[in-house]
PDB file of all heavy atoms in Angstrom:
ATOM      1  N   LEU A   1       0.855  -1.189   0.000  1.00  0.00           N
ATOM      2  CA  LEU A   1       0.000   0.000   0.000  1.00  0.00           C
ATOM      3  C   LEU A   1       0.887   1.234   0.000  1.00  0.00           C
ATOM      4  O   LEU A   1       1.767   1.365   0.854  1.00  0.00           O
ATOM      5  CB  LEU A   1      -0.897   0.025   1.240  1.00  0.00           C
ATOM      6  CG  LEU A   1      -1.569   1.379   1.545  1.00  0.00           C
ATOM      7  CD1 LEU A   1      -2.525   1.795   0.435  1.00  0.00           C
ATOM      8  CD2 LEU A   1      -2.269   1.349   2.898  1.00  0.00           C
ATOM      9  N   VAL A   2       0.644   2.134  -0.948  1.00  0.00           N
ATOM     10  CA  VAL A   2       1.243   3.465  -0.912  1.00  0.00           C
ATOM     11  C   VAL A   2       0.112   4.440  -0.582  1.00  0.00           C
ATOM     12  O   VAL A   2      -0.740   4.736  -1.412  1.00  0.00           O
ATOM     13  CB  VAL A   2       1.928   3.841  -2.241  1.00  0.00           C
ATOM     14  CG1 VAL A   2       2.526   5.249  -2.140  1.00  0.00           C
ATOM     15  CG2 VAL A   2       3.024   2.832  -2.591  1.00  0.00           C
ATOM     16  N   ASN A   3       0.092   4.889   0.647  1.00  0.00           N
ATOM     17  CA  ASN A   3      -0.958   5.756   1.179  1.00  0.00           C
ATOM     18  C   ASN A   3      -0.605   7.197   0.818  1.00  0.00           C
ATOM     19  O   ASN A   3       0.041   7.911   1.588  1.00  0.00           O
ATOM     20  CB  ASN A   3      -0.991   5.598   2.708  1.00  0.00           C
ATOM     21  CG  ASN A   3      -2.363   5.229   3.228  1.00  0.00           C
ATOM     22  OD1 ASN A   3      -3.372   5.392   2.555  1.00  0.00           O
ATOM     23  ND2 ASN A   3      -2.392   4.733   4.449  1.00  0.00           N
ATOM     24  N   ASN A   4      -1.032   7.617  -0.375  1.00  0.00           N
ATOM     25  CA  ASN A   4      -0.593   8.903  -0.897  1.00  0.00           C
ATOM     26  C   ASN A   4      -1.699   9.948  -0.967  1.00  0.00           C
ATOM     27  O   ASN A   4      -1.410  11.137  -1.015  1.00  0.00           O
ATOM     28  CB  ASN A   4       0.007   8.685  -2.301  1.00  0.00           C
ATOM     29  CG  ASN A   4       0.222   9.979  -3.048  1.00  0.00           C
ATOM     30  OD1 ASN A   4       1.160  10.733  -2.766  1.00  0.00           O
ATOM     31  ND2 ASN A   4      -0.655  10.265  -4.001  1.00  0.00           N
ATOM     32  N   ALA A   5      -2.960   9.545  -0.973  1.00  0.00           N
ATOM     33  CA  ALA A   5      -4.052  10.506  -1.152  1.00  0.00           C
ATOM     34  C   ALA A   5      -3.988  11.598  -0.097  1.00  0.00           C
ATOM     35  O   ALA A   5      -3.832  11.320   1.092  1.00  0.00           O
ATOM     36  CB  ALA A   5      -5.398   9.790  -1.084  1.00  0.00           C
ATOM     37  N   GLY A   6      -4.094  12.835  -0.537  1.00  0.00           N
ATOM     38  CA  GLY A   6      -4.052  13.935   0.407  1.00  0.00           C
ATOM     39  C   GLY A   6      -4.484  15.232  -0.242  1.00  0.00           C
ATOM     40  O   GLY A   6      -4.372  15.400  -1.462  1.00  0.00           O
ATOM     41  N   ILE A   7      -4.999  16.133   0.565  1.00  0.00           N
ATOM     42  CA  ILE A   7      -5.386  17.457   0.095  1.00  0.00           C
ATOM     43  C   ILE A   7      -4.739  18.497   0.993  1.00  0.00           C
ATOM     44  O   ILE A   7      -4.340  18.216   2.118  1.00  0.00           O
ATOM     45  CB  ILE A   7      -6.912  17.646   0.086  1.00  0.00           C
ATOM     46  CG1 ILE A   7      -7.505  17.403   1.479  1.00  0.00           C
ATOM     47  CG2 ILE A   7      -7.546  16.718  -0.944  1.00  0.00           C
ATOM     48  CD1 ILE A   7      -8.992  17.660   1.550  1.00  0.00           C
ATOM     49  N   GLY A   8      -4.625  19.714   0.473  1.00  0.00           N
ATOM     50  CA  GLY A   8      -3.994  20.791   1.224  1.00  0.00           C
ATOM     51  C   GLY A   8      -4.946  21.946   1.458  1.00  0.00           C
ATOM     52  O   GLY A   8      -5.904  22.145   0.709  1.00  0.00           O
ATOM     53  N   SER A   9      -4.680  22.694   2.497  1.00  0.00           N
ATOM     54  CA  SER A   9      -5.457  23.888   2.808  1.00  0.00           C
ATOM     55  C   SER A   9      -4.634  24.738   3.748  1.00  0.00           C
ATOM     56  O   SER A   9      -4.065  24.214   4.711  1.00  0.00           O
ATOM     57  CB  SER A   9      -6.788  23.503   3.467  1.00  0.00           C
ATOM     58  OG  SER A   9      -7.533  24.659   3.811  1.00  0.00           O
ATOM     59  N   TRP A  10      -4.535  26.037   3.454  1.00  0.00           N
ATOM     60  CA  TRP A  10      -3.739  26.937   4.296  1.00  0.00           C
ATOM     61  C   TRP A  10      -4.539  28.182   4.635  1.00  0.00           C
ATOM     62  O   TRP A  10      -5.200  28.773   3.772  1.00  0.00           O
ATOM     63  CB  TRP A  10      -2.450  27.334   3.571  1.00  0.00           C
ATOM     64  CG  TRP A  10      -1.422  26.260   3.573  1.00  0.00           C
ATOM     65  CD1 TRP A  10      -0.394  26.098   4.465  1.00  0.00           C
ATOM     66  CD2 TRP A  10      -1.312  25.161   2.659  1.00  0.00           C
ATOM     67  NE1 TRP A  10       0.331  24.973   4.152  1.00  0.00           N
ATOM     68  CE2 TRP A  10      -0.199  24.375   3.046  1.00  0.00           C
ATOM     69  CE3 TRP A  10      -2.040  24.759   1.539  1.00  0.00           C
ATOM     70  CZ2 TRP A  10       0.194  23.231   2.374  1.00  0.00           C
ATOM     71  CZ3 TRP A  10      -1.654  23.611   0.857  1.00  0.00           C
ATOM     72  CH2 TRP A  10      -0.546  22.861   1.275  1.00  0.00           C
ATOM     73  N   ALA A  11      -4.487  28.556   5.882  1.00  0.00           N
ATOM     74  CA  ALA A  11      -5.143  29.780   6.348  1.00  0.00           C
ATOM     75  C   ALA A  11      -4.611  30.117   7.725  1.00  0.00           C
ATOM     76  O   ALA A  11      -4.201  29.226   8.479  1.00  0.00           O
ATOM     77  CB  ALA A  11      -6.665  29.582   6.416  1.00  0.00           C
ATOM     78  N   PRO A  12      -4.615  31.398   8.084  1.00  0.00           N
ATOM     79  CA  PRO A  12      -4.246  31.751   9.457  1.00  0.00           C
ATOM     80  C   PRO A  12      -5.199  31.080  10.444  1.00  0.00           C
ATOM     81  O   PRO A  12      -6.357  30.788  10.115  1.00  0.00           O
ATOM     82  CB  PRO A  12      -4.422  33.281   9.483  1.00  0.00           C
ATOM     83  CG  PRO A  12      -4.389  33.702   8.050  1.00  0.00           C
ATOM     84  CD  PRO A  12      -4.946  32.572   7.255  1.00  0.00           C
ATOM     85  N   LEU A  13      -4.731  30.848  11.643  1.00  0.00           N
ATOM     86  CA  LEU A  13      -5.554  30.217  12.671  1.00  0.00           C
ATOM     87  C   LEU A  13      -6.901  30.919  12.814  1.00  0.00           C
ATOM     88  O   LEU A  13      -7.942  30.267  12.873  1.00  0.00           O
ATOM     89  CB  LEU A  13      -4.814  30.244  14.011  1.00  0.00           C
ATOM     90  CG  LEU A  13      -5.629  29.847  15.243  1.00  0.00           C
ATOM     91  CD1 LEU A  13      -6.132  28.408  15.121  1.00  0.00           C
ATOM     92  CD2 LEU A  13      -4.811  30.039  16.519  1.00  0.00           C
ATOM     93  N   VAL A  14      -6.899  32.266  12.870  1.00  0.00           N
ATOM     94  CA  VAL A  14      -8.141  32.994  13.132  1.00  0.00           C
ATOM     95  C   VAL A  14      -9.130  32.906  11.969  1.00  0.00           C
ATOM     96  O   VAL A  14     -10.292  33.276  12.119  1.00  0.00           O
ATOM     97  CB  VAL A  14      -7.857  34.476  13.481  1.00  0.00           C
ATOM     98  CG1 VAL A  14      -7.072  34.562  14.779  1.00  0.00           C
ATOM     99  CG2 VAL A  14      -7.115  35.173  12.340  1.00  0.00           C
ATOM    100  N   GLU A  15      -8.666  32.389  10.803  1.00  0.00           N
ATOM    101  CA  GLU A  15      -9.559  32.230   9.651  1.00  0.00           C
ATOM    102  C   GLU A  15      -9.841  30.766   9.331  1.00  0.00           C
ATOM    103  O   GLU A  15     -10.568  30.460   8.378  1.00  0.00           O
ATOM    104  CB  GLU A  15      -8.936  32.909   8.424  1.00  0.00           C
ATOM    105  CG  GLU A  15      -8.769  34.417   8.579  1.00  0.00           C
ATOM    106  CD  GLU A  15      -8.026  35.037   7.417  1.00  0.00           C
ATOM    107  OE1 GLU A  15      -7.862  34.375   6.374  1.00  0.00           O
ATOM    108  OE2 GLU A  15      -7.585  36.209   7.555  1.00  0.00           O
ATOM    109  N   THR A  16      -9.282  29.838  10.084  1.00  0.00           N
ATOM    110  CA  THR A  16      -9.481  28.407   9.827  1.00  0.00           C
ATOM    111  C   THR A  16     -10.861  27.995  10.329  1.00  0.00           C
ATOM    112  O   THR A  16     -11.198  28.217  11.493  1.00  0.00           O
ATOM    113  CB  THR A  16      -8.396  27.579  10.535  1.00  0.00           C
ATOM    114  OG1 THR A  16      -7.115  27.960  10.022  1.00  0.00           O
ATOM    115  CG2 THR A  16      -8.615  26.088  10.300  1.00  0.00           C
ATOM    116  N   THR A  17     -11.638  27.391   9.431  1.00  0.00           N
ATOM    117  CA  THR A  17     -12.995  26.989   9.798  1.00  0.00           C
ATOM    118  C   THR A  17     -13.027  25.531  10.236  1.00  0.00           C
ATOM    119  O   THR A  17     -12.171  24.721   9.843  1.00  0.00           O
ATOM    120  CB  THR A  17     -13.957  27.159   8.618  1.00  0.00           C
ATOM    121  OG1 THR A  17     -13.590  26.243   7.566  1.00  0.00           O
ATOM    122  CG2 THR A  17     -13.925  28.589   8.073  1.00  0.00           C
ATOM    123  N   ALA A  18     -14.026  25.203  11.031  1.00  0.00           N
ATOM    124  CA  ALA A  18     -14.205  23.813  11.447  1.00  0.00           C
ATOM    125  C   ALA A  18     -14.444  22.919  10.237  1.00  0.00           C
ATOM    126  O   ALA A  18     -13.931  21.792  10.171  1.00  0.00           O
ATOM    127  CB  ALA A  18     -15.375  23.709  12.435  1.00  0.00           C
ATOM    128  N   GLY A  19     -15.214  23.412   9.276  1.00  0.00           N
ATOM    129  CA  GLY A  19     -15.492  22.614   8.078  1.00  0.00           C
ATOM    130  C   GLY A  19     -14.246  22.291   7.286  1.00  0.00           C
ATOM    131  O   GLY A  19     -14.076  21.173   6.809  1.00  0.00           O
ATOM    132  N   GLU A  20     -13.357  23.276   7.130  1.00  0.00           N
ATOM    133  CA  GLU A  20     -12.127  23.036   6.375  1.00  0.00           C
ATOM    134  C   GLU A  20     -11.193  22.103   7.135  1.00  0.00           C
ATOM    135  O   GLU A  20     -10.538  21.243   6.549  1.00  0.00           O
ATOM    136  CB  GLU A  20     -11.436  24.363   6.073  1.00  0.00           C
ATOM    137  CG  GLU A  20     -10.311  24.277   5.067  1.00  0.00           C
ATOM    138  CD  GLU A  20     -10.760  23.843   3.673  1.00  0.00           C
ATOM    139  OE1 GLU A  20     -11.968  23.659   3.433  1.00  0.00           O
ATOM    140  OE2 GLU A  20      -9.871  23.676   2.817  1.00  0.00           O
ATOM    141  N   MET A  21     -11.132  22.255   8.457  1.00  0.00           N
ATOM    142  CA  MET A  21     -10.312  21.359   9.277  1.00  0.00           C
ATOM    143  C   MET A  21     -10.805  19.919   9.108  1.00  0.00           C
ATOM    144  O   MET A  21     -10.007  18.998   8.906  1.00  0.00           O
ATOM    145  CB  MET A  21     -10.401  21.787  10.740  1.00  0.00           C
ATOM    146  CG  MET A  21      -9.394  21.116  11.642  1.00  0.00           C
ATOM    147  SD  MET A  21      -7.775  21.900  11.522  1.00  0.00           S
ATOM    148  CE  MET A  21      -6.905  21.019  12.824  1.00  0.00           C
ATOM    149  N   ARG A  22     -12.110  19.715   9.162  1.00  0.00           N
ATOM    150  CA  ARG A  22     -12.671  18.370   8.998  1.00  0.00           C
ATOM    151  C   ARG A  22     -12.381  17.819   7.604  1.00  0.00           C
ATOM    152  O   ARG A  22     -12.061  16.638   7.451  1.00  0.00           O
ATOM    153  CB  ARG A  22     -14.183  18.389   9.232  1.00  0.00           C
ATOM    154  CG  ARG A  22     -14.590  18.604  10.673  1.00  0.00           C
ATOM    155  CD  ARG A  22     -16.074  18.362  10.867  1.00  0.00           C
ATOM    156  NE  ARG A  22     -16.488  18.735  12.208  1.00  0.00           N
ATOM    157  CZ  ARG A  22     -17.057  19.894  12.527  1.00  0.00           C
ATOM    158  NH1 ARG A  22     -17.299  20.791  11.567  1.00  0.00           N
ATOM    159  NH2 ARG A  22     -17.397  20.151  13.768  1.00  0.00           N
ATOM    160  N   ARG A  23     -12.522  18.674   6.580  1.00  0.00           N
ATOM    161  CA  ARG A  23     -12.308  18.218   5.204  1.00  0.00           C
ATOM    162  C   ARG A  23     -10.895  17.684   5.015  1.00  0.00           C
ATOM    163  O   ARG A  23     -10.688  16.612   4.426  1.00  0.00           O
ATOM    164  CB  ARG A  23     -12.563  19.374   4.234  1.00  0.00           C
ATOM    165  CG  ARG A  23     -12.522  18.982   2.752  1.00  0.00           C
ATOM    166  CD  ARG A  23     -12.783  20.185   1.872  1.00  0.00           C
ATOM    167  NE  ARG A  23     -11.639  21.060   1.782  1.00  0.00           N
ATOM    168  CZ  ARG A  23     -10.697  20.974   0.842  1.00  0.00           C
ATOM    169  NH1 ARG A  23     -10.766  20.034  -0.097  1.00  0.00           N
ATOM    170  NH2 ARG A  23      -9.685  21.826   0.820  1.00  0.00           N
ATOM    171  N   VAL A  24      -9.905  18.406   5.517  1.00  0.00           N
ATOM    172  CA  VAL A  24      -8.512  17.979   5.374  1.00  0.00           C
ATOM    173  C   VAL A  24      -8.252  16.716   6.181  1.00  0.00           C
ATOM    174  O   VAL A  24      -7.648  15.756   5.688  1.00  0.00           O
ATOM    175  CB  VAL A  24      -7.558  19.118   5.789  1.00  0.00           C
ATOM    176  CG1 VAL A  24      -6.117  18.623   5.833  1.00  0.00           C
ATOM    177  CG2 VAL A  24      -7.694  20.293   4.835  1.00  0.00           C
ATOM    178  N   TRP A  25      -8.702  16.683   7.413  1.00  0.00           N
ATOM    179  CA  TRP A  25      -8.443  15.525   8.268  1.00  0.00           C
ATOM    180  C   TRP A  25      -9.175  14.273   7.790  1.00  0.00           C
ATOM    181  O   TRP A  25      -8.673  13.160   7.939  1.00  0.00           O
ATOM    182  CB  TRP A  25      -8.813  15.847   9.724  1.00  0.00           C
ATOM    183  CG  TRP A  25      -7.659  16.453  10.447  1.00  0.00           C
ATOM    184  CD1 TRP A  25      -7.050  17.649  10.170  1.00  0.00           C
ATOM    185  CD2 TRP A  25      -6.933  15.880  11.539  1.00  0.00           C
ATOM    186  NE1 TRP A  25      -6.000  17.861  11.027  1.00  0.00           N
ATOM    187  CE2 TRP A  25      -5.907  16.797  11.878  1.00  0.00           C
ATOM    188  CE3 TRP A  25      -7.061  14.713  12.271  1.00  0.00           C
ATOM    189  CZ2 TRP A  25      -5.009  16.552  12.915  1.00  0.00           C
ATOM    190  CZ3 TRP A  25      -6.165  14.475  13.307  1.00  0.00           C
ATOM    191  CH2 TRP A  25      -5.152  15.383  13.613  1.00  0.00           C
ATOM    192  N   GLU A  26     -10.355  14.431   7.195  1.00  0.00           N
ATOM    193  CA  GLU A  26     -11.083  13.250   6.719  1.00  0.00           C
ATOM    194  C   GLU A  26     -10.330  12.536   5.605  1.00  0.00           C
ATOM    195  O   GLU A  26     -10.358  11.301   5.521  1.00  0.00           O
ATOM    196  CB  GLU A  26     -12.485  13.647   6.250  1.00  0.00           C
ATOM    197  CG  GLU A  26     -13.434  13.877   7.407  1.00  0.00           C
ATOM    198  CD  GLU A  26     -14.823  14.294   6.959  1.00  0.00           C
ATOM    199  OE1 GLU A  26     -15.042  14.457   5.733  1.00  0.00           O
ATOM    200  OE2 GLU A  26     -15.691  14.466   7.833  1.00  0.00           O
ATOM    201  N   THR A  27      -9.637  13.283   4.750  1.00  0.00           N
ATOM    202  CA  THR A  27      -8.830  12.645   3.698  1.00  0.00           C
ATOM    203  C   THR A  27      -7.455  12.247   4.220  1.00  0.00           C
ATOM    204  O   THR A  27      -7.036  11.095   4.098  1.00  0.00           O
ATOM    205  CB  THR A  27      -8.681  13.595   2.494  1.00  0.00           C
ATOM    206  OG1 THR A  27      -9.960  13.783   1.886  1.00  0.00           O
ATOM    207  CG2 THR A  27      -7.731  13.005   1.458  1.00  0.00           C
ATOM    208  N   ASN A  28      -6.741  13.189   4.813  1.00  0.00           N
ATOM    209  CA  ASN A  28      -5.331  12.978   5.127  1.00  0.00           C
ATOM    210  C   ASN A  28      -5.088  12.053   6.318  1.00  0.00           C
ATOM    211  O   ASN A  28      -4.049  11.395   6.393  1.00  0.00           O
ATOM    212  CB  ASN A  28      -4.649  14.311   5.395  1.00  0.00           C
ATOM    213  CG  ASN A  28      -4.617  15.218   4.175  1.00  0.00           C
ATOM    214  OD1 ASN A  28      -5.218  14.920   3.146  1.00  0.00           O
ATOM    215  ND2 ASN A  28      -3.935  16.335   4.292  1.00  0.00           N
ATOM    216  N   VAL A  29      -6.032  12.019   7.252  1.00  0.00           N
ATOM    217  CA  VAL A  29      -5.845  11.224   8.471  1.00  0.00           C
ATOM    218  C   VAL A  29      -6.819  10.050   8.510  1.00  0.00           C
ATOM    219  O   VAL A  29      -6.410   8.884   8.501  1.00  0.00           O
ATOM    220  CB  VAL A  29      -5.991  12.104   9.735  1.00  0.00           C
ATOM    221  CG1 VAL A  29      -5.736  11.269  10.985  1.00  0.00           C
ATOM    222  CG2 VAL A  29      -5.015  13.275   9.682  1.00  0.00           C
ATOM    223  N   LEU A  30      -8.122  10.330   8.531  1.00  0.00           N
ATOM    224  CA  LEU A  30      -9.107   9.249   8.543  1.00  0.00           C
ATOM    225  C   LEU A  30      -8.958   8.369   7.307  1.00  0.00           C
ATOM    226  O   LEU A  30      -8.950   7.131   7.405  1.00  0.00           O
ATOM    227  CB  LEU A  30     -10.522   9.820   8.613  1.00  0.00           C
ATOM    228  CG  LEU A  30     -11.655   8.796   8.524  1.00  0.00           C
ATOM    229  CD1 LEU A  30     -11.617   7.815   9.693  1.00  0.00           C
ATOM    230  CD2 LEU A  30     -13.006   9.495   8.434  1.00  0.00           C
ATOM    231  N   GLY A  31      -8.816   8.972   6.133  1.00  0.00           N
ATOM    232  CA  GLY A  31      -8.672   8.192   4.903  1.00  0.00           C
ATOM    233  C   GLY A  31      -7.462   7.284   4.924  1.00  0.00           C
ATOM    234  O   GLY A  31      -7.531   6.115   4.554  1.00  0.00           O
ATOM    235  N   ALA A  32      -6.327   7.834   5.383  1.00  0.00           N
ATOM    236  CA  ALA A  32      -5.114   7.013   5.475  1.00  0.00           C
ATOM    237  C   ALA A  32      -5.316   5.849   6.423  1.00  0.00           C
ATOM    238  O   ALA A  32      -4.874   4.724   6.161  1.00  0.00           O
ATOM    239  CB  ALA A  32      -3.936   7.869   5.921  1.00  0.00           C
ATOM    240  N   MET A  33      -5.998   6.110   7.549  1.00  0.00           N
ATOM    241  CA  MET A  33      -6.247   5.037   8.509  1.00  0.00           C
ATOM    242  C   MET A  33      -7.150   3.961   7.936  1.00  0.00           C
ATOM    243  O   MET A  33      -6.887   2.760   8.080  1.00  0.00           O
ATOM    244  CB  MET A  33      -6.871   5.615   9.788  1.00  0.00           C
ATOM    245  CG  MET A  33      -7.084   4.590  10.901  1.00  0.00           C
ATOM    246  SD  MET A  33      -8.558   3.524  10.713  1.00  0.00           S
ATOM    247  CE  MET A  33      -9.872   4.706  11.046  1.00  0.00           C
ATOM    248  N   LEU A  34      -8.238   4.362   7.257  1.00  0.00           N
ATOM    249  CA  LEU A  34      -9.182   3.385   6.733  1.00  0.00           C
ATOM    250  C   LEU A  34      -8.524   2.463   5.702  1.00  0.00           C
ATOM    251  O   LEU A  34      -8.729   1.238   5.714  1.00  0.00           O
ATOM    252  CB  LEU A  34     -10.383   4.093   6.103  1.00  0.00           C
ATOM    253  CG  LEU A  34     -11.330   4.806   7.066  1.00  0.00           C
ATOM    254  CD1 LEU A  34     -12.386   5.598   6.283  1.00  0.00           C
ATOM    255  CD2 LEU A  34     -12.002   3.827   8.023  1.00  0.00           C
ATOM    256  N   VAL A  35      -7.716   3.042   4.809  1.00  0.00           N
ATOM    257  CA  VAL A  35      -7.061   2.213   3.784  1.00  0.00           C
ATOM    258  C   VAL A  35      -5.998   1.330   4.419  1.00  0.00           C
ATOM    259  O   VAL A  35      -5.865   0.143   4.078  1.00  0.00           O
ATOM    260  CB  VAL A  35      -6.466   3.075   2.658  1.00  0.00           C
ATOM    261  CG1 VAL A  35      -5.855   2.182   1.580  1.00  0.00           C
ATOM    262  CG2 VAL A  35      -7.525   3.977   2.034  1.00  0.00           C
ATOM    263  N   ALA A  36      -5.238   1.870   5.368  1.00  0.00           N
ATOM    264  CA  ALA A  36      -4.225   1.056   6.049  1.00  0.00           C
ATOM    265  C   ALA A  36      -4.876  -0.073   6.844  1.00  0.00           C
ATOM    266  O   ALA A  36      -4.367  -1.200   6.863  1.00  0.00           O
ATOM    267  CB  ALA A  36      -3.385   1.933   6.961  1.00  0.00           C
ATOM    268  N   ARG A  37      -5.983   0.211   7.495  1.00  0.00           N
ATOM    269  CA  ARG A  37      -6.657  -0.821   8.288  1.00  0.00           C
ATOM    270  C   ARG A  37      -7.132  -1.975   7.415  1.00  0.00           C
ATOM    271  O   ARG A  37      -6.877  -3.153   7.725  1.00  0.00           O
ATOM    272  CB  ARG A  37      -7.848  -0.210   9.032  1.00  0.00           C
ATOM    273  CG  ARG A  37      -8.527  -1.160  10.001  1.00  0.00           C
ATOM    274  CD  ARG A  37      -9.761  -0.545  10.616  1.00  0.00           C
ATOM    275  NE  ARG A  37     -10.820  -0.318   9.630  1.00  0.00           N
ATOM    276  CZ  ARG A  37     -12.003   0.239   9.918  1.00  0.00           C
ATOM    277  NH1 ARG A  37     -12.249   0.660  11.159  1.00  0.00           N
ATOM    278  NH2 ARG A  37     -12.912   0.401   8.979  1.00  0.00           N
TER     279      ARG A  37
END
């Protein structure tokens, strides 16, 4: 398995939204875990 799927997003802390944080983590972290599992 080459766990490569990922997306990027950049913003200052005071402009980072909960939705964008979830979107990035769902692919980069949860997605990596699901495929590895």
